[in-house]
Amino acid sequence: MRQTQWKVIARTGDSESGTTLRWEFDSQAEAQDMVERLLRAPSPGSWREHSTPE
């Protein structure tokens, strides 16, 4: 049985010295909740939404 997982990847800083955080979720709703929490983080402008083409 095939199971779909949703991944959220957040990166701070640049590609050489930054930090990458990763989460995996079993549902789109859980993944979207995490994205919304990141976008509402206390430091405005720290997070931006970025999606890859399907």
Protein backbone atom coordinates (compact mmCIF):
# COMPACT_ATOMS: atom_id res chain seq x y z
CA MET A 1 0.00 0.00 0.00
CA ARG A 2 1.36 3.38 -0.99
CA GLN A 3 1.32 6.14 1.63
CA THR A 4 1.70 9.81 0.81
CA GLN A 5 3.86 11.93 3.08
CA TRP A 6 4.11 15.70 3.07
CA LYS A 7 7.46 17.35 3.72
CA VAL A 8 8.10 20.86 5.01
CA ILE A 9 11.62 22.22 4.70
CA ALA A 10 12.64 25.52 6.30
CA ARG A 11 16.02 27.12 5.83
CA THR A 12 17.56 30.08 7.63
CA GLY A 13 20.62 31.94 6.43
CA ASP A 14 22.41 31.35 3.17
CA SER A 15 23.16 28.04 1.48
CA GLU A 16 26.65 27.75 2.97
CA SER A 17 26.20 28.82 6.58
CA GLY A 18 22.45 28.45 7.07
CA THR A 19 20.45 25.86 8.97
CA THR A 20 17.89 23.56 7.39
CA LEU A 21 14.97 22.15 9.38
CA ARG A 22 12.81 19.32 8.02
CA TRP A 23 9.50 17.81 9.05
CA GLU A 24 7.40 14.98 7.59
CA PHE A 25 3.63 14.76 7.98
CA ASP A 26 1.03 12.16 7.13
CA SER A 27 -1.53 14.72 5.95
CA GLN A 28 -1.58 17.88 3.90
CA ALA A 29 -3.46 19.67 6.69
CA GLU A 30 -0.69 18.96 9.23
CA ALA A 31 1.98 20.16 6.79
CA GLN A 32 0.00 23.32 6.01
CA ASP A 33 -0.38 24.02 9.74
CA MET A 34 3.42 23.92 10.13
CA VAL A 35 3.92 26.26 7.16
CA GLU A 36 1.42 28.71 8.63
CA ARG A 37 3.16 28.57 12.03
CA LEU A 38 6.52 29.30 10.38
CA LEU A 39 5.07 32.23 8.45
CA ARG A 40 3.62 33.65 11.70
CA ALA A 41 6.93 33.28 13.57
CA PRO A 42 7.77 36.11 16.03
CA SER A 43 10.45 37.58 13.77
CA PRO A 44 8.54 39.04 10.81
CA GLY A 45 10.15 38.57 7.46
CA SER A 46 12.19 35.59 8.61
CA TRP A 47 10.14 33.02 6.70
CA ARG A 48 8.81 33.16 3.18
CA GLU A 49 6.72 30.64 1.33
CA HIS A 50 8.50 28.80 -1.48
CA SER A 51 7.05 25.92 -3.43
CA THR A 52 8.55 23.74 -6.10
CA PRO A 53 6.80 23.22 -9.43
CA GLU A 54 4.84 20.00 -9.68
